[in-house]
Each structure stands twice: as structure tokens, then as C-alpha cells.
Amino acid sequence: MSIDEETVRKVAKLARLALPEARVAPMAAELNGIMAWIEQLNEVDIEGVEPMTSAVEGLSLPMRADVVTDGANPERVLKNAPKAEDGFFVVPKVVE
């Protein structure tokens, strides 16, 4: 499949992209390169390869205990806060 400049203009319009005329020809070349790479992938023999639902399927990740702490040192935690009061972060009100 070959992508011409008219197709690039049409896709840019559908995607509401402001594509300058000077970028149309280079974009067509880039998209043709991508399509060629996809066609190359279609040539790979995948006979007997099971589809994957996850890249980490079957792996067991180590878990740590979920322990509630007090932050160990609230003064140090709040030292970098723009504003703190009574041991809490002060943030602007966002709901009225």
C-alpha cells in the first residue's frame, strides 16, 4: 500500500492537524516507510506461536507487607512543601 500526498492531506484534515504544505511530501515518505515496515512484519512466520495477553504472563512478582506507617519523620516530609499547617500539606481549594 502506497500513501500519496493527497491521502496525507486527507488524514491530516480528518485528524484536525495543521500540516504545512512543506511537510506533506516528507510525511508521505515517513508513512510509506512505516507501512513498508508493517509489511515486513507480516512476512514473519508465526506458525505455532501462542498469542500473549500480557508481557509478564506467568511471572510471580515479589510482594511486600502492606504496613501503615506515620511517615517516620513528618517534619522532614513537610520541609519541601510550599505551605504546611498542623503537620499537613496546605493545598488550594479546587471544589466550591
C-alpha atoms as a PDB file:
ATOM      1  CA  MET A   1       0.000   0.000   0.000  1.00  0.00           C
ATOM      2  CA  SER A   2       1.366   3.369  -1.009  1.00  0.00           C
ATOM      3  CA  ILE A   3       0.360   6.604   0.671  1.00  0.00           C
ATOM      4  CA  ASP A   4       0.340   9.621  -1.626  1.00  0.00           C
ATOM      5  CA  GLU A   5       0.322  13.314  -0.742  1.00  0.00           C
ATOM      6  CA  GLU A   6      -3.435  13.616  -1.244  1.00  0.00           C
ATOM      7  CA  THR A   7      -4.009  10.856   1.327  1.00  0.00           C
ATOM      8  CA  VAL A   8      -1.710  12.659   3.781  1.00  0.00           C
ATOM      9  CA  ARG A   9      -3.711  15.870   3.328  1.00  0.00           C
ATOM     10  CA  LYS A  10      -6.989  13.975   3.856  1.00  0.00           C
ATOM     11  CA  VAL A  11      -5.760  12.215   7.003  1.00  0.00           C
ATOM     12  CA  ALA A  12      -4.363  15.481   8.390  1.00  0.00           C
ATOM     13  CA  LYS A  13      -7.725  17.166   7.790  1.00  0.00           C
ATOM     14  CA  LEU A  14      -9.643  14.296   9.433  1.00  0.00           C
ATOM     15  CA  ALA A  15      -7.277  14.406  12.420  1.00  0.00           C
ATOM     16  CA  ARG A  16      -7.586  18.202  12.531  1.00  0.00           C
ATOM     17  CA  LEU A  17      -3.832  18.618  12.178  1.00  0.00           C
ATOM     18  CA  ALA A  18      -2.395  21.828  10.731  1.00  0.00           C
ATOM     19  CA  LEU A  19       0.124  20.269   8.360  1.00  0.00           C
ATOM     20  CA  PRO A  20       2.119  22.848   6.379  1.00  0.00           C
ATOM     21  CA  GLU A  21       2.401  22.127   2.654  1.00  0.00           C
ATOM     22  CA  ALA A  22       6.182  21.809   3.017  1.00  0.00           C
ATOM     23  CA  ARG A  23       5.671  18.825   5.396  1.00  0.00           C
ATOM     24  CA  VAL A  24       3.221  16.901   3.171  1.00  0.00           C
ATOM     25  CA  ALA A  25       5.821  15.182   0.949  1.00  0.00           C
ATOM     26  CA  PRO A  26       8.179  14.241   3.839  1.00  0.00           C
ATOM     27  CA  MET A  27       5.193  12.961   5.844  1.00  0.00           C
ATOM     28  CA  ALA A  28       4.092  10.786   2.908  1.00  0.00           C
ATOM     29  CA  ALA A  29       7.610   9.324   2.744  1.00  0.00           C
ATOM     30  CA  GLU A  30       7.618   8.649   6.506  1.00  0.00           C
ATOM     31  CA  LEU A  31       4.219   6.964   6.385  1.00  0.00           C
ATOM     32  CA  ASN A  32       5.295   4.837   3.406  1.00  0.00           C
ATOM     33  CA  GLY A  33       8.346   3.755   5.423  1.00  0.00           C
ATOM     34  CA  ILE A  34       6.109   2.747   8.330  1.00  0.00           C
ATOM     35  CA  MET A  35       3.795   0.812   6.005  1.00  0.00           C
ATOM     36  CA  ALA A  36       6.805  -0.983   4.479  1.00  0.00           C
ATOM     37  CA  TRP A  37       7.958  -1.983   7.966  1.00  0.00           C
ATOM     38  CA  ILE A  38       4.470  -3.339   8.764  1.00  0.00           C
ATOM     39  CA  GLU A  39       4.501  -5.348   5.525  1.00  0.00           C
ATOM     40  CA  GLN A  40       7.913  -6.718   6.541  1.00  0.00           C
ATOM     41  CA  LEU A  41       6.434  -7.822   9.889  1.00  0.00           C
ATOM     42  CA  ASN A  42       3.670  -9.662   8.027  1.00  0.00           C
ATOM     43  CA  GLU A  43       6.359 -11.884   6.437  1.00  0.00           C
ATOM     44  CA  VAL A  44       7.456 -13.298   9.822  1.00  0.00           C
ATOM     45  CA  ASP A  45       6.484 -16.943  10.342  1.00  0.00           C
ATOM     46  CA  ILE A  46       4.341 -17.109  13.486  1.00  0.00           C
ATOM     47  CA  GLU A  47       3.081 -20.660  12.990  1.00  0.00           C
ATOM     48  CA  GLY A  48       2.769 -22.354  16.382  1.00  0.00           C
ATOM     49  CA  VAL A  49       3.304 -19.186  18.406  1.00  0.00           C
ATOM     50  CA  GLU A  50       0.618 -18.735  21.045  1.00  0.00           C
ATOM     51  CA  PRO A  51      -0.859 -15.244  21.401  1.00  0.00           C
ATOM     52  CA  MET A  52       0.153 -13.361  24.536  1.00  0.00           C
ATOM     53  CA  THR A  53      -2.267 -11.466  26.729  1.00  0.00           C
ATOM     54  CA  SER A  54       0.499  -9.917  28.818  1.00  0.00           C
ATOM     55  CA  ALA A  55       4.253  -9.497  28.549  1.00  0.00           C
ATOM     56  CA  VAL A  56       4.687 -10.674  32.161  1.00  0.00           C
ATOM     57  CA  GLU A  57       2.303 -13.610  31.989  1.00  0.00           C
ATOM     58  CA  GLY A  58       3.170 -16.427  34.359  1.00  0.00           C
ATOM     59  CA  LEU A  59       5.677 -14.411  36.390  1.00  0.00           C
ATOM     60  CA  SER A  60       5.294 -14.044  40.117  1.00  0.00           C
ATOM     61  CA  LEU A  61       6.378 -10.658  41.402  1.00  0.00           C
ATOM     62  CA  PRO A  62       7.657 -10.360  44.983  1.00  0.00           C
ATOM     63  CA  MET A  63       5.196  -8.735  47.341  1.00  0.00           C
ATOM     64  CA  ARG A  64       5.988  -6.714  50.423  1.00  0.00           C
ATOM     65  CA  ALA A  65       3.831  -6.431  53.501  1.00  0.00           C
ATOM     66  CA  ASP A  66       1.314  -3.605  53.325  1.00  0.00           C
ATOM     67  CA  VAL A  67       2.092  -1.748  56.535  1.00  0.00           C
ATOM     68  CA  VAL A  68       0.662   1.622  57.513  1.00  0.00           C
ATOM     69  CA  THR A  69       3.311   3.980  58.883  1.00  0.00           C
ATOM     70  CA  ASP A  70       3.272   7.522  60.142  1.00  0.00           C
ATOM     71  CA  GLY A  71       5.866   8.633  57.590  1.00  0.00           C
ATOM     72  CA  ALA A  72       8.655   8.223  60.141  1.00  0.00           C
ATOM     73  CA  ASN A  73       9.605  11.904  60.066  1.00  0.00           C
ATOM     74  CA  PRO A  74       6.768  14.338  59.221  1.00  0.00           C
ATOM     75  CA  GLU A  75       8.971  17.401  59.708  1.00  0.00           C
ATOM     76  CA  ARG A  76      11.360  16.182  57.023  1.00  0.00           C
ATOM     77  CA  VAL A  77       8.489  15.263  54.691  1.00  0.00           C
ATOM     78  CA  LEU A  78       6.828  18.672  55.067  1.00  0.00           C
ATOM     79  CA  LYS A  79      10.111  20.600  54.784  1.00  0.00           C
ATOM     80  CA  ASN A  80       9.772  20.806  50.969  1.00  0.00           C
ATOM     81  CA  ALA A  81       6.059  21.660  50.992  1.00  0.00           C
ATOM     82  CA  PRO A  82       5.205  25.158  49.730  1.00  0.00           C
ATOM     83  CA  LYS A  83       2.802  25.517  52.662  1.00  0.00           C
ATOM     84  CA  ALA A  84       2.110  23.284  55.676  1.00  0.00           C
ATOM     85  CA  GLU A  85      -0.083  23.636  58.730  1.00  0.00           C
ATOM     86  CA  ASP A  86      -0.500  21.386  61.804  1.00  0.00           C
ATOM     87  CA  GLY A  87       1.544  18.614  60.171  1.00  0.00           C
ATOM     88  CA  PHE A  88      -0.466  18.605  56.921  1.00  0.00           C
ATOM     89  CA  PHE A  89       0.065  19.906  53.395  1.00  0.00           C
ATOM     90  CA  VAL A  90      -1.960  23.023  52.612  1.00  0.00           C
ATOM     91  CA  VAL A  91      -3.332  22.977  49.064  1.00  0.00           C
ATOM     92  CA  PRO A  92      -5.559  25.405  47.174  1.00  0.00           C
ATOM     93  CA  LYS A  93      -9.270  24.723  47.258  1.00  0.00           C
ATOM     94  CA  VAL A  94     -10.411  23.228  43.957  1.00  0.00           C
ATOM     95  CA  VAL A  95     -14.083  22.448  44.722  1.00  0.00           C
ATOM     96  CA  GLU A  96     -16.607  25.096  45.638  1.00  0.00           C
END
